[in-house]
């Protein structure tokens, strides 16, 4: 869900452009 990433951004205050996600899904 897009809402997950919205929550995460509020919670973690990361820069999306300087973030790496590693996932098998």
PDBML (XML) file of the C-alpha atoms, coordinates in Angstrom:
<?xml version="1.0" encoding="UTF-8" ?>
<PDBx:datablock datablockName="MODEL"
   xmlns:PDBx="http://pdbml.pdb.org/schema/pdbx-v50.xsd"
   xmlns:xsi="http://www.w3.org/2001/XMLSchema-instance"
   xsi:schemaLocation="http://pdbml.pdb.org/schema/pdbx-v50.xsd pdbx-v50.xsd">
   <PDBx:atom_siteCategory>
      <PDBx:atom_site id="1">
         <PDBx:B_iso_or_equiv>0.00</PDBx:B_iso_or_equiv>
         <PDBx:Cartn_x>0.000</PDBx:Cartn_x>
         <PDBx:Cartn_y>0.000</PDBx:Cartn_y>
         <PDBx:Cartn_z>0.000</PDBx:Cartn_z>
         <PDBx:auth_asym_id>A</PDBx:auth_asym_id>
         <PDBx:auth_atom_id>CA</PDBx:auth_atom_id>
         <PDBx:auth_comp_id>UNK</PDBx:auth_comp_id>
         <PDBx:auth_seq_id>1</PDBx:auth_seq_id>
         <PDBx:group_PDB>ATOM</PDBx:group_PDB>
         <PDBx:label_alt_id xsi:nil="true" />
         <PDBx:label_asym_id>A</PDBx:label_asym_id>
         <PDBx:label_atom_id>CA</PDBx:label_atom_id>
         <PDBx:label_comp_id>UNK</PDBx:label_comp_id>
         <PDBx:label_entity_id>1</PDBx:label_entity_id>
         <PDBx:label_seq_id>1</PDBx:label_seq_id>
         <PDBx:occupancy>1.00</PDBx:occupancy>
         <PDBx:pdbx_PDB_model_num>1</PDBx:pdbx_PDB_model_num>
         <PDBx:type_symbol>C</PDBx:type_symbol>
      </PDBx:atom_site>
      <PDBx:atom_site id="2">
         <PDBx:B_iso_or_equiv>0.00</PDBx:B_iso_or_equiv>
         <PDBx:Cartn_x>1.176</PDBx:Cartn_x>
         <PDBx:Cartn_y>3.550</PDBx:Cartn_y>
         <PDBx:Cartn_z>-0.729</PDBx:Cartn_z>
         <PDBx:auth_asym_id>A</PDBx:auth_asym_id>
         <PDBx:auth_atom_id>CA</PDBx:auth_atom_id>
         <PDBx:auth_comp_id>UNK</PDBx:auth_comp_id>
         <PDBx:auth_seq_id>2</PDBx:auth_seq_id>
         <PDBx:group_PDB>ATOM</PDBx:group_PDB>
         <PDBx:label_alt_id xsi:nil="true" />
         <PDBx:label_asym_id>A</PDBx:label_asym_id>
         <PDBx:label_atom_id>CA</PDBx:label_atom_id>
         <PDBx:label_comp_id>UNK</PDBx:label_comp_id>
         <PDBx:label_entity_id>1</PDBx:label_entity_id>
         <PDBx:label_seq_id>2</PDBx:label_seq_id>
         <PDBx:occupancy>1.00</PDBx:occupancy>
         <PDBx:pdbx_PDB_model_num>1</PDBx:pdbx_PDB_model_num>
         <PDBx:type_symbol>C</PDBx:type_symbol>
      </PDBx:atom_site>
      <PDBx:atom_site id="3">
         <PDBx:B_iso_or_equiv>0.00</PDBx:B_iso_or_equiv>
         <PDBx:Cartn_x>-0.093</PDBx:Cartn_x>
         <PDBx:Cartn_y>4.499</PDBx:Cartn_y>
         <PDBx:Cartn_z>2.731</PDBx:Cartn_z>
         <PDBx:auth_asym_id>A</PDBx:auth_asym_id>
         <PDBx:auth_atom_id>CA</PDBx:auth_atom_id>
         <PDBx:auth_comp_id>UNK</PDBx:auth_comp_id>
         <PDBx:auth_seq_id>3</PDBx:auth_seq_id>
         <PDBx:group_PDB>ATOM</PDBx:group_PDB>
         <PDBx:label_alt_id xsi:nil="true" />
         <PDBx:label_asym_id>A</PDBx:label_asym_id>
         <PDBx:label_atom_id>CA</PDBx:label_atom_id>
         <PDBx:label_comp_id>UNK</PDBx:label_comp_id>
         <PDBx:label_entity_id>1</PDBx:label_entity_id>
         <PDBx:label_seq_id>3</PDBx:label_seq_id>
         <PDBx:occupancy>1.00</PDBx:occupancy>
         <PDBx:pdbx_PDB_model_num>1</PDBx:pdbx_PDB_model_num>
         <PDBx:type_symbol>C</PDBx:type_symbol>
      </PDBx:atom_site>
      <PDBx:atom_site id="4">
         <PDBx:B_iso_or_equiv>0.00</PDBx:B_iso_or_equiv>
         <PDBx:Cartn_x>2.603</PDBx:Cartn_x>
         <PDBx:Cartn_y>2.315</PDBx:Cartn_y>
         <PDBx:Cartn_z>4.324</PDBx:Cartn_z>
         <PDBx:auth_asym_id>A</PDBx:auth_asym_id>
         <PDBx:auth_atom_id>CA</PDBx:auth_atom_id>
         <PDBx:auth_comp_id>UNK</PDBx:auth_comp_id>
         <PDBx:auth_seq_id>4</PDBx:auth_seq_id>
         <PDBx:group_PDB>ATOM</PDBx:group_PDB>
         <PDBx:label_alt_id xsi:nil="true" />
         <PDBx:label_asym_id>A</PDBx:label_asym_id>
         <PDBx:label_atom_id>CA</PDBx:label_atom_id>
         <PDBx:label_comp_id>UNK</PDBx:label_comp_id>
         <PDBx:label_entity_id>1</PDBx:label_entity_id>
         <PDBx:label_seq_id>4</PDBx:label_seq_id>
         <PDBx:occupancy>1.00</PDBx:occupancy>
         <PDBx:pdbx_PDB_model_num>1</PDBx:pdbx_PDB_model_num>
         <PDBx:type_symbol>C</PDBx:type_symbol>
      </PDBx:atom_site>
      <PDBx:atom_site id="5">
         <PDBx:B_iso_or_equiv>0.00</PDBx:B_iso_or_equiv>
         <PDBx:Cartn_x>5.358</PDBx:Cartn_x>
         <PDBx:Cartn_y>4.489</PDBx:Cartn_y>
         <PDBx:Cartn_z>2.830</PDBx:Cartn_z>
         <PDBx:auth_asym_id>A</PDBx:auth_asym_id>
         <PDBx:auth_atom_id>CA</PDBx:auth_atom_id>
         <PDBx:auth_comp_id>UNK</PDBx:auth_comp_id>
         <PDBx:auth_seq_id>5</PDBx:auth_seq_id>
         <PDBx:group_PDB>ATOM</PDBx:group_PDB>
         <PDBx:label_alt_id xsi:nil="true" />
         <PDBx:label_asym_id>A</PDBx:label_asym_id>
         <PDBx:label_atom_id>CA</PDBx:label_atom_id>
         <PDBx:label_comp_id>UNK</PDBx:label_comp_id>
         <PDBx:label_entity_id>1</PDBx:label_entity_id>
         <PDBx:label_seq_id>5</PDBx:label_seq_id>
         <PDBx:occupancy>1.00</PDBx:occupancy>
         <PDBx:pdbx_PDB_model_num>1</PDBx:pdbx_PDB_model_num>
         <PDBx:type_symbol>C</PDBx:type_symbol>
      </PDBx:atom_site>
      <PDBx:atom_site id="6">
         <PDBx:B_iso_or_equiv>0.00</PDBx:B_iso_or_equiv>
         <PDBx:Cartn_x>3.537</PDBx:Cartn_x>
         <PDBx:Cartn_y>7.657</PDBx:Cartn_y>
         <PDBx:Cartn_z>3.886</PDBx:Cartn_z>
         <PDBx:auth_asym_id>A</PDBx:auth_asym_id>
         <PDBx:auth_atom_id>CA</PDBx:auth_atom_id>
         <PDBx:auth_comp_id>UNK</PDBx:auth_comp_id>
         <PDBx:auth_seq_id>6</PDBx:auth_seq_id>
         <PDBx:group_PDB>ATOM</PDBx:group_PDB>
         <PDBx:label_alt_id xsi:nil="true" />
         <PDBx:label_asym_id>A</PDBx:label_asym_id>
         <PDBx:label_atom_id>CA</PDBx:label_atom_id>
         <PDBx:label_comp_id>UNK</PDBx:label_comp_id>
         <PDBx:label_entity_id>1</PDBx:label_entity_id>
         <PDBx:label_seq_id>6</PDBx:label_seq_id>
         <PDBx:occupancy>1.00</PDBx:occupancy>
         <PDBx:pdbx_PDB_model_num>1</PDBx:pdbx_PDB_model_num>
         <PDBx:type_symbol>C</PDBx:type_symbol>
      </PDBx:atom_site>
      <PDBx:atom_site id="7">
         <PDBx:B_iso_or_equiv>0.00</PDBx:B_iso_or_equiv>
         <PDBx:Cartn_x>3.492</PDBx:Cartn_x>
         <PDBx:Cartn_y>6.393</PDBx:Cartn_y>
         <PDBx:Cartn_z>7.481</PDBx:Cartn_z>
         <PDBx:auth_asym_id>A</PDBx:auth_asym_id>
         <PDBx:auth_atom_id>CA</PDBx:auth_atom_id>
         <PDBx:auth_comp_id>UNK</PDBx:auth_comp_id>
         <PDBx:auth_seq_id>7</PDBx:auth_seq_id>
         <PDBx:group_PDB>ATOM</PDBx:group_PDB>
         <PDBx:label_alt_id xsi:nil="true" />
         <PDBx:label_asym_id>A</PDBx:label_asym_id>
         <PDBx:label_atom_id>CA</PDBx:label_atom_id>
         <PDBx:label_comp_id>UNK</PDBx:label_comp_id>
         <PDBx:label_entity_id>1</PDBx:label_entity_id>
         <PDBx:label_seq_id>7</PDBx:label_seq_id>
         <PDBx:occupancy>1.00</PDBx:occupancy>
         <PDBx:pdbx_PDB_model_num>1</PDBx:pdbx_PDB_model_num>
         <PDBx:type_symbol>C</PDBx:type_symbol>
      </PDBx:atom_site>
      <PDBx:atom_site id="8">
         <PDBx:B_iso_or_equiv>0.00</PDBx:B_iso_or_equiv>
         <PDBx:Cartn_x>7.119</PDBx:Cartn_x>
         <PDBx:Cartn_y>5.325</PDBx:Cartn_y>
         <PDBx:Cartn_z>7.262</PDBx:Cartn_z>
         <PDBx:auth_asym_id>A</PDBx:auth_asym_id>
         <PDBx:auth_atom_id>CA</PDBx:auth_atom_id>
         <PDBx:auth_comp_id>UNK</PDBx:auth_comp_id>
         <PDBx:auth_seq_id>8</PDBx:auth_seq_id>
         <PDBx:group_PDB>ATOM</PDBx:group_PDB>
         <PDBx:label_alt_id xsi:nil="true" />
         <PDBx:label_asym_id>A</PDBx:label_asym_id>
         <PDBx:label_atom_id>CA</PDBx:label_atom_id>
         <PDBx:label_comp_id>UNK</PDBx:label_comp_id>
         <PDBx:label_entity_id>1</PDBx:label_entity_id>
         <PDBx:label_seq_id>8</PDBx:label_seq_id>
         <PDBx:occupancy>1.00</PDBx:occupancy>
         <PDBx:pdbx_PDB_model_num>1</PDBx:pdbx_PDB_model_num>
         <PDBx:type_symbol>C</PDBx:type_symbol>
      </PDBx:atom_site>
      <PDBx:atom_site id="9">
         <PDBx:B_iso_or_equiv>0.00</PDBx:B_iso_or_equiv>
         <PDBx:Cartn_x>8.241</PDBx:Cartn_x>
         <PDBx:Cartn_y>8.737</PDBx:Cartn_y>
         <PDBx:Cartn_z>5.989</PDBx:Cartn_z>
         <PDBx:auth_asym_id>A</PDBx:auth_asym_id>
         <PDBx:auth_atom_id>CA</PDBx:auth_atom_id>
         <PDBx:auth_comp_id>UNK</PDBx:auth_comp_id>
         <PDBx:auth_seq_id>9</PDBx:auth_seq_id>
         <PDBx:group_PDB>ATOM</PDBx:group_PDB>
         <PDBx:label_alt_id xsi:nil="true" />
         <PDBx:label_asym_id>A</PDBx:label_asym_id>
         <PDBx:label_atom_id>CA</PDBx:label_atom_id>
         <PDBx:label_comp_id>UNK</PDBx:label_comp_id>
         <PDBx:label_entity_id>1</PDBx:label_entity_id>
         <PDBx:label_seq_id>9</PDBx:label_seq_id>
         <PDBx:occupancy>1.00</PDBx:occupancy>
         <PDBx:pdbx_PDB_model_num>1</PDBx:pdbx_PDB_model_num>
         <PDBx:type_symbol>C</PDBx:type_symbol>
      </PDBx:atom_site>
      <PDBx:atom_site id="10">
         <PDBx:B_iso_or_equiv>0.00</PDBx:B_iso_or_equiv>
         <PDBx:Cartn_x>6.523</PDBx:Cartn_x>
         <PDBx:Cartn_y>10.450</PDBx:Cartn_y>
         <PDBx:Cartn_z>8.925</PDBx:Cartn_z>
         <PDBx:auth_asym_id>A</PDBx:auth_asym_id>
         <PDBx:auth_atom_id>CA</PDBx:auth_atom_id>
         <PDBx:auth_comp_id>UNK</PDBx:auth_comp_id>
         <PDBx:auth_seq_id>10</PDBx:auth_seq_id>
         <PDBx:group_PDB>ATOM</PDBx:group_PDB>
         <PDBx:label_alt_id xsi:nil="true" />
         <PDBx:label_asym_id>A</PDBx:label_asym_id>
         <PDBx:label_atom_id>CA</PDBx:label_atom_id>
         <PDBx:label_comp_id>UNK</PDBx:label_comp_id>
         <PDBx:label_entity_id>1</PDBx:label_entity_id>
         <PDBx:label_seq_id>10</PDBx:label_seq_id>
         <PDBx:occupancy>1.00</PDBx:occupancy>
         <PDBx:pdbx_PDB_model_num>1</PDBx:pdbx_PDB_model_num>
         <PDBx:type_symbol>C</PDBx:type_symbol>
      </PDBx:atom_site>
      <PDBx:atom_site id="11">
         <PDBx:B_iso_or_equiv>0.00</PDBx:B_iso_or_equiv>
         <PDBx:Cartn_x>8.031</PDBx:Cartn_x>
         <PDBx:Cartn_y>7.953</PDBx:Cartn_y>
         <PDBx:Cartn_z>11.347</PDBx:Cartn_z>
         <PDBx:auth_asym_id>A</PDBx:auth_asym_id>
         <PDBx:auth_atom_id>CA</PDBx:auth_atom_id>
         <PDBx:auth_comp_id>UNK</PDBx:auth_comp_id>
         <PDBx:auth_seq_id>11</PDBx:auth_seq_id>
         <PDBx:group_PDB>ATOM</PDBx:group_PDB>
         <PDBx:label_alt_id xsi:nil="true" />
         <PDBx:label_asym_id>A</PDBx:label_asym_id>
         <PDBx:label_atom_id>CA</PDBx:label_atom_id>
         <PDBx:label_comp_id>UNK</PDBx:label_comp_id>
         <PDBx:label_entity_id>1</PDBx:label_entity_id>
         <PDBx:label_seq_id>11</PDBx:label_seq_id>
         <PDBx:occupancy>1.00</PDBx:occupancy>
         <PDBx:pdbx_PDB_model_num>1</PDBx:pdbx_PDB_model_num>
         <PDBx:type_symbol>C</PDBx:type_symbol>
      </PDBx:atom_site>
      <PDBx:atom_site id="12">
         <PDBx:B_iso_or_equiv>0.00</PDBx:B_iso_or_equiv>
         <PDBx:Cartn_x>11.605</PDBx:Cartn_x>
         <PDBx:Cartn_y>7.751</PDBx:Cartn_y>
         <PDBx:Cartn_z>10.009</PDBx:Cartn_z>
         <PDBx:auth_asym_id>A</PDBx:auth_asym_id>
         <PDBx:auth_atom_id>CA</PDBx:auth_atom_id>
         <PDBx:auth_comp_id>UNK</PDBx:auth_comp_id>
         <PDBx:auth_seq_id>12</PDBx:auth_seq_id>
         <PDBx:group_PDB>ATOM</PDBx:group_PDB>
         <PDBx:label_alt_id xsi:nil="true" />
         <PDBx:label_asym_id>A</PDBx:label_asym_id>
         <PDBx:label_atom_id>CA</PDBx:label_atom_id>
         <PDBx:label_comp_id>UNK</PDBx:label_comp_id>
         <PDBx:label_entity_id>1</PDBx:label_entity_id>
         <PDBx:label_seq_id>12</PDBx:label_seq_id>
         <PDBx:occupancy>1.00</PDBx:occupancy>
         <PDBx:pdbx_PDB_model_num>1</PDBx:pdbx_PDB_model_num>
         <PDBx:type_symbol>C</PDBx:type_symbol>
      </PDBx:atom_site>
      <PDBx:atom_site id="13">
         <PDBx:B_iso_or_equiv>0.00</PDBx:B_iso_or_equiv>
         <PDBx:Cartn_x>12.219</PDBx:Cartn_x>
         <PDBx:Cartn_y>11.102</PDBx:Cartn_y>
         <PDBx:Cartn_z>8.284</PDBx:Cartn_z>
         <PDBx:auth_asym_id>A</PDBx:auth_asym_id>
         <PDBx:auth_atom_id>CA</PDBx:auth_atom_id>
         <PDBx:auth_comp_id>UNK</PDBx:auth_comp_id>
         <PDBx:auth_seq_id>13</PDBx:auth_seq_id>
         <PDBx:group_PDB>ATOM</PDBx:group_PDB>
         <PDBx:label_alt_id xsi:nil="true" />
         <PDBx:label_asym_id>A</PDBx:label_asym_id>
         <PDBx:label_atom_id>CA</PDBx:label_atom_id>
         <PDBx:label_comp_id>UNK</PDBx:label_comp_id>
         <PDBx:label_entity_id>1</PDBx:label_entity_id>
         <PDBx:label_seq_id>13</PDBx:label_seq_id>
         <PDBx:occupancy>1.00</PDBx:occupancy>
         <PDBx:pdbx_PDB_model_num>1</PDBx:pdbx_PDB_model_num>
         <PDBx:type_symbol>C</PDBx:type_symbol>
      </PDBx:atom_site>
      <PDBx:atom_site id="14">
         <PDBx:B_iso_or_equiv>0.00</PDBx:B_iso_or_equiv>
         <PDBx:Cartn_x>14.412</PDBx:Cartn_x>
         <PDBx:Cartn_y>9.650</PDBx:Cartn_y>
         <PDBx:Cartn_z>5.518</PDBx:Cartn_z>
         <PDBx:auth_asym_id>A</PDBx:auth_asym_id>
         <PDBx:auth_atom_id>CA</PDBx:auth_atom_id>
         <PDBx:auth_comp_id>UNK</PDBx:auth_comp_id>
         <PDBx:auth_seq_id>14</PDBx:auth_seq_id>
         <PDBx:group_PDB>ATOM</PDBx:group_PDB>
         <PDBx:label_alt_id xsi:nil="true" />
         <PDBx:label_asym_id>A</PDBx:label_asym_id>
         <PDBx:label_atom_id>CA</PDBx:label_atom_id>
         <PDBx:label_comp_id>UNK</PDBx:label_comp_id>
         <PDBx:label_entity_id>1</PDBx:label_entity_id>
         <PDBx:label_seq_id>14</PDBx:label_seq_id>
         <PDBx:occupancy>1.00</PDBx:occupancy>
         <PDBx:pdbx_PDB_model_num>1</PDBx:pdbx_PDB_model_num>
         <PDBx:type_symbol>C</PDBx:type_symbol>
      </PDBx:atom_site>
      <PDBx:atom_site id="15">
         <PDBx:B_iso_or_equiv>0.00</PDBx:B_iso_or_equiv>
         <PDBx:Cartn_x>15.238</PDBx:Cartn_x>
         <PDBx:Cartn_y>11.108</PDBx:Cartn_y>
         <PDBx:Cartn_z>2.122</PDBx:Cartn_z>
         <PDBx:auth_asym_id>A</PDBx:auth_asym_id>
         <PDBx:auth_atom_id>CA</PDBx:auth_atom_id>
         <PDBx:auth_comp_id>UNK</PDBx:auth_comp_id>
         <PDBx:auth_seq_id>15</PDBx:auth_seq_id>
         <PDBx:group_PDB>ATOM</PDBx:group_PDB>
         <PDBx:label_alt_id xsi:nil="true" />
         <PDBx:label_asym_id>A</PDBx:label_asym_id>
         <PDBx:label_atom_id>CA</PDBx:label_atom_id>
         <PDBx:label_comp_id>UNK</PDBx:label_comp_id>
         <PDBx:label_entity_id>1</PDBx:label_entity_id>
         <PDBx:label_seq_id>15</PDBx:label_seq_id>
         <PDBx:occupancy>1.00</PDBx:occupancy>
         <PDBx:pdbx_PDB_model_num>1</PDBx:pdbx_PDB_model_num>
         <PDBx:type_symbol>C</PDBx:type_symbol>
      </PDBx:atom_site>
      <PDBx:atom_site id="16">
         <PDBx:B_iso_or_equiv>0.00</PDBx:B_iso_or_equiv>
         <PDBx:Cartn_x>13.522</PDBx:Cartn_x>
         <PDBx:Cartn_y>8.844</PDBx:Cartn_y>
         <PDBx:Cartn_z>-0.453</PDBx:Cartn_z>
         <PDBx:auth_asym_id>A</PDBx:auth_asym_id>
         <PDBx:auth_atom_id>CA</PDBx:auth_atom_id>
         <PDBx:auth_comp_id>UNK</PDBx:auth_comp_id>
         <PDBx:auth_seq_id>16</PDBx:auth_seq_id>
         <PDBx:group_PDB>ATOM</PDBx:group_PDB>
         <PDBx:label_alt_id xsi:nil="true" />
         <PDBx:label_asym_id>A</PDBx:label_asym_id>
         <PDBx:label_atom_id>CA</PDBx:label_atom_id>
         <PDBx:label_comp_id>UNK</PDBx:label_comp_id>
         <PDBx:label_entity_id>1</PDBx:label_entity_id>
         <PDBx:label_seq_id>16</PDBx:label_seq_id>
         <PDBx:occupancy>1.00</PDBx:occupancy>
         <PDBx:pdbx_PDB_model_num>1</PDBx:pdbx_PDB_model_num>
         <PDBx:type_symbol>C</PDBx:type_symbol>
      </PDBx:atom_site>
      <PDBx:atom_site id="17">
         <PDBx:B_iso_or_equiv>0.00</PDBx:B_iso_or_equiv>
         <PDBx:Cartn_x>16.073</PDBx:Cartn_x>
         <PDBx:Cartn_y>9.740</PDBx:Cartn_y>
         <PDBx:Cartn_z>-3.132</PDBx:Cartn_z>
         <PDBx:auth_asym_id>A</PDBx:auth_asym_id>
         <PDBx:auth_atom_id>CA</PDBx:auth_atom_id>
         <PDBx:auth_comp_id>UNK</PDBx:auth_comp_id>
         <PDBx:auth_seq_id>17</PDBx:auth_seq_id>
         <PDBx:group_PDB>ATOM</PDBx:group_PDB>
         <PDBx:label_alt_id xsi:nil="true" />
         <PDBx:label_asym_id>A</PDBx:label_asym_id>
         <PDBx:label_atom_id>CA</PDBx:label_atom_id>
         <PDBx:label_comp_id>UNK</PDBx:label_comp_id>
         <PDBx:label_entity_id>1</PDBx:label_entity_id>
         <PDBx:label_seq_id>17</PDBx:label_seq_id>
         <PDBx:occupancy>1.00</PDBx:occupancy>
         <PDBx:pdbx_PDB_model_num>1</PDBx:pdbx_PDB_model_num>
         <PDBx:type_symbol>C</PDBx:type_symbol>
      </PDBx:atom_site>
      <PDBx:atom_site id="18">
         <PDBx:B_iso_or_equiv>0.00</PDBx:B_iso_or_equiv>
         <PDBx:Cartn_x>18.917</PDBx:Cartn_x>
         <PDBx:Cartn_y>8.574</PDBx:Cartn_y>
         <PDBx:Cartn_z>-0.862</PDBx:Cartn_z>
         <PDBx:auth_asym_id>A</PDBx:auth_asym_id>
         <PDBx:auth_atom_id>CA</PDBx:auth_atom_id>
         <PDBx:auth_comp_id>UNK</PDBx:auth_comp_id>
         <PDBx:auth_seq_id>18</PDBx:auth_seq_id>
         <PDBx:group_PDB>ATOM</PDBx:group_PDB>
         <PDBx:label_alt_id xsi:nil="true" />
         <PDBx:label_asym_id>A</PDBx:label_asym_id>
         <PDBx:label_atom_id>CA</PDBx:label_atom_id>
         <PDBx:label_comp_id>UNK</PDBx:label_comp_id>
         <PDBx:label_entity_id>1</PDBx:label_entity_id>
         <PDBx:label_seq_id>18</PDBx:label_seq_id>
         <PDBx:occupancy>1.00</PDBx:occupancy>
         <PDBx:pdbx_PDB_model_num>1</PDBx:pdbx_PDB_model_num>
         <PDBx:type_symbol>C</PDBx:type_symbol>
      </PDBx:atom_site>
      <PDBx:atom_site id="19">
         <PDBx:B_iso_or_equiv>0.00</PDBx:B_iso_or_equiv>
         <PDBx:Cartn_x>17.179</PDBx:Cartn_x>
         <PDBx:Cartn_y>5.416</PDBx:Cartn_y>
         <PDBx:Cartn_z>0.358</PDBx:Cartn_z>
         <PDBx:auth_asym_id>A</PDBx:auth_asym_id>
         <PDBx:auth_atom_id>CA</PDBx:auth_atom_id>
         <PDBx:auth_comp_id>UNK</PDBx:auth_comp_id>
         <PDBx:auth_seq_id>19</PDBx:auth_seq_id>
         <PDBx:group_PDB>ATOM</PDBx:group_PDB>
         <PDBx:label_alt_id xsi:nil="true" />
         <PDBx:label_asym_id>A</PDBx:label_asym_id>
         <PDBx:label_atom_id>CA</PDBx:label_atom_id>
         <PDBx:label_comp_id>UNK</PDBx:label_comp_id>
         <PDBx:label_entity_id>1</PDBx:label_entity_id>
         <PDBx:label_seq_id>19</PDBx:label_seq_id>
         <PDBx:occupancy>1.00</PDBx:occupancy>
         <PDBx:pdbx_PDB_model_num>1</PDBx:pdbx_PDB_model_num>
         <PDBx:type_symbol>C</PDBx:type_symbol>
      </PDBx:atom_site>
      <PDBx:atom_site id="20">
         <PDBx:B_iso_or_equiv>0.00</PDBx:B_iso_or_equiv>
         <PDBx:Cartn_x>17.653</PDBx:Cartn_x>
         <PDBx:Cartn_y>1.810</PDBx:Cartn_y>
         <PDBx:Cartn_z>-0.762</PDBx:Cartn_z>
         <PDBx:auth_asym_id>A</PDBx:auth_asym_id>
         <PDBx:auth_atom_id>CA</PDBx:auth_atom_id>
         <PDBx:auth_comp_id>UNK</PDBx:auth_comp_id>
         <PDBx:auth_seq_id>20</PDBx:auth_seq_id>
         <PDBx:group_PDB>ATOM</PDBx:group_PDB>
         <PDBx:label_alt_id xsi:nil="true" />
         <PDBx:label_asym_id>A</PDBx:label_asym_id>
         <PDBx:label_atom_id>CA</PDBx:label_atom_id>
         <PDBx:label_comp_id>UNK</PDBx:label_comp_id>
         <PDBx:label_entity_id>1</PDBx:label_entity_id>
         <PDBx:label_seq_id>20</PDBx:label_seq_id>
         <PDBx:occupancy>1.00</PDBx:occupancy>
         <PDBx:pdbx_PDB_model_num>1</PDBx:pdbx_PDB_model_num>
         <PDBx:type_symbol>C</PDBx:type_symbol>
      </PDBx:atom_site>
      <PDBx:atom_site id="21">
         <PDBx:B_iso_or_equiv>0.00</PDBx:B_iso_or_equiv>
         <PDBx:Cartn_x>14.972</PDBx:Cartn_x>
         <PDBx:Cartn_y>-0.856</PDBx:Cartn_y>
         <PDBx:Cartn_z>-0.294</PDBx:Cartn_z>
         <PDBx:auth_asym_id>A</PDBx:auth_asym_id>
         <PDBx:auth_atom_id>CA</PDBx:auth_atom_id>
         <PDBx:auth_comp_id>UNK</PDBx:auth_comp_id>
         <PDBx:auth_seq_id>21</PDBx:auth_seq_id>
         <PDBx:group_PDB>ATOM</PDBx:group_PDB>
         <PDBx:label_alt_id xsi:nil="true" />
         <PDBx:label_asym_id>A</PDBx:label_asym_id>
         <PDBx:label_atom_id>CA</PDBx:label_atom_id>
         <PDBx:label_comp_id>UNK</PDBx:label_comp_id>
         <PDBx:label_entity_id>1</PDBx:label_entity_id>
         <PDBx:label_seq_id>21</PDBx:label_seq_id>
         <PDBx:occupancy>1.00</PDBx:occupancy>
         <PDBx:pdbx_PDB_model_num>1</PDBx:pdbx_PDB_model_num>
         <PDBx:type_symbol>C</PDBx:type_symbol>
      </PDBx:atom_site>
      <PDBx:atom_site id="22">
         <PDBx:B_iso_or_equiv>0.00</PDBx:B_iso_or_equiv>
         <PDBx:Cartn_x>15.992</PDBx:Cartn_x>
         <PDBx:Cartn_y>-4.512</PDBx:Cartn_y>
         <PDBx:Cartn_z>-0.564</PDBx:Cartn_z>
         <PDBx:auth_asym_id>A</PDBx:auth_asym_id>
         <PDBx:auth_atom_id>CA</PDBx:auth_atom_id>
         <PDBx:auth_comp_id>UNK</PDBx:auth_comp_id>
         <PDBx:auth_seq_id>22</PDBx:auth_seq_id>
         <PDBx:group_PDB>ATOM</PDBx:group_PDB>
         <PDBx:label_alt_id xsi:nil="true" />
         <PDBx:label_asym_id>A</PDBx:label_asym_id>
         <PDBx:label_atom_id>CA</PDBx:label_atom_id>
         <PDBx:label_comp_id>UNK</PDBx:label_comp_id>
         <PDBx:label_entity_id>1</PDBx:label_entity_id>
         <PDBx:label_seq_id>22</PDBx:label_seq_id>
         <PDBx:occupancy>1.00</PDBx:occupancy>
         <PDBx:pdbx_PDB_model_num>1</PDBx:pdbx_PDB_model_num>
         <PDBx:type_symbol>C</PDBx:type_symbol>
      </PDBx:atom_site>
      <PDBx:atom_site id="23">
         <PDBx:B_iso_or_equiv>0.00</PDBx:B_iso_or_equiv>
         <PDBx:Cartn_x>13.028</PDBx:Cartn_x>
         <PDBx:Cartn_y>-6.895</PDBx:Cartn_y>
         <PDBx:Cartn_z>-0.835</PDBx:Cartn_z>
         <PDBx:auth_asym_id>A</PDBx:auth_asym_id>
         <PDBx:auth_atom_id>CA</PDBx:auth_atom_id>
         <PDBx:auth_comp_id>UNK</PDBx:auth_comp_id>
         <PDBx:auth_seq_id>23</PDBx:auth_seq_id>
         <PDBx:group_PDB>ATOM</PDBx:group_PDB>
         <PDBx:label_alt_id xsi:nil="true" />
         <PDBx:label_asym_id>A</PDBx:label_asym_id>
         <PDBx:label_atom_id>CA</PDBx:label_atom_id>
         <PDBx:label_comp_id>UNK</PDBx:label_comp_id>
         <PDBx:label_entity_id>1</PDBx:label_entity_id>
         <PDBx:label_seq_id>23</PDBx:label_seq_id>
         <PDBx:occupancy>1.00</PDBx:occupancy>
         <PDBx:pdbx_PDB_model_num>1</PDBx:pdbx_PDB_model_num>
         <PDBx:type_symbol>C</PDBx:type_symbol>
      </PDBx:atom_site>
      <PDBx:atom_site id="24">
         <PDBx:B_iso_or_equiv>0.00</PDBx:B_iso_or_equiv>
         <PDBx:Cartn_x>12.217</PDBx:Cartn_x>
         <PDBx:Cartn_y>-10.214</PDBx:Cartn_y>
         <PDBx:Cartn_z>-2.505</PDBx:Cartn_z>
         <PDBx:auth_asym_id>A</PDBx:auth_asym_id>
         <PDBx:auth_atom_id>CA</PDBx:auth_atom_id>
         <PDBx:auth_comp_id>UNK</PDBx:auth_comp_id>
         <PDBx:auth_seq_id>24</PDBx:auth_seq_id>
         <PDBx:group_PDB>ATOM</PDBx:group_PDB>
         <PDBx:label_alt_id xsi:nil="true" />
         <PDBx:label_asym_id>A</PDBx:label_asym_id>
         <PDBx:label_atom_id>CA</PDBx:label_atom_id>
         <PDBx:label_comp_id>UNK</PDBx:label_comp_id>
         <PDBx:label_entity_id>1</PDBx:label_entity_id>
         <PDBx:label_seq_id>24</PDBx:label_seq_id>
         <PDBx:occupancy>1.00</PDBx:occupancy>
         <PDBx:pdbx_PDB_model_num>1</PDBx:pdbx_PDB_model_num>
         <PDBx:type_symbol>C</PDBx:type_symbol>
      </PDBx:atom_site>
      <PDBx:atom_site id="25">
         <PDBx:B_iso_or_equiv>0.00</PDBx:B_iso_or_equiv>
         <PDBx:Cartn_x>8.591</PDBx:Cartn_x>
         <PDBx:Cartn_y>-9.216</PDBx:Cartn_y>
         <PDBx:Cartn_z>-3.208</PDBx:Cartn_z>
         <PDBx:auth_asym_id>A</PDBx:auth_asym_id>
         <PDBx:auth_atom_id>CA</PDBx:auth_atom_id>
         <PDBx:auth_comp_id>UNK</PDBx:auth_comp_id>
         <PDBx:auth_seq_id>25</PDBx:auth_seq_id>
         <PDBx:group_PDB>ATOM</PDBx:group_PDB>
         <PDBx:label_alt_id xsi:nil="true" />
         <PDBx:label_asym_id>A</PDBx:label_asym_id>
         <PDBx:label_atom_id>CA</PDBx:label_atom_id>
         <PDBx:label_comp_id>UNK</PDBx:label_comp_id>
         <PDBx:label_entity_id>1</PDBx:label_entity_id>
         <PDBx:label_seq_id>25</PDBx:label_seq_id>
         <PDBx:occupancy>1.00</PDBx:occupancy>
         <PDBx:pdbx_PDB_model_num>1</PDBx:pdbx_PDB_model_num>
         <PDBx:type_symbol>C</PDBx:type_symbol>
      </PDBx:atom_site>
   </PDBx:atom_siteCategory>
</PDBx:datablock>
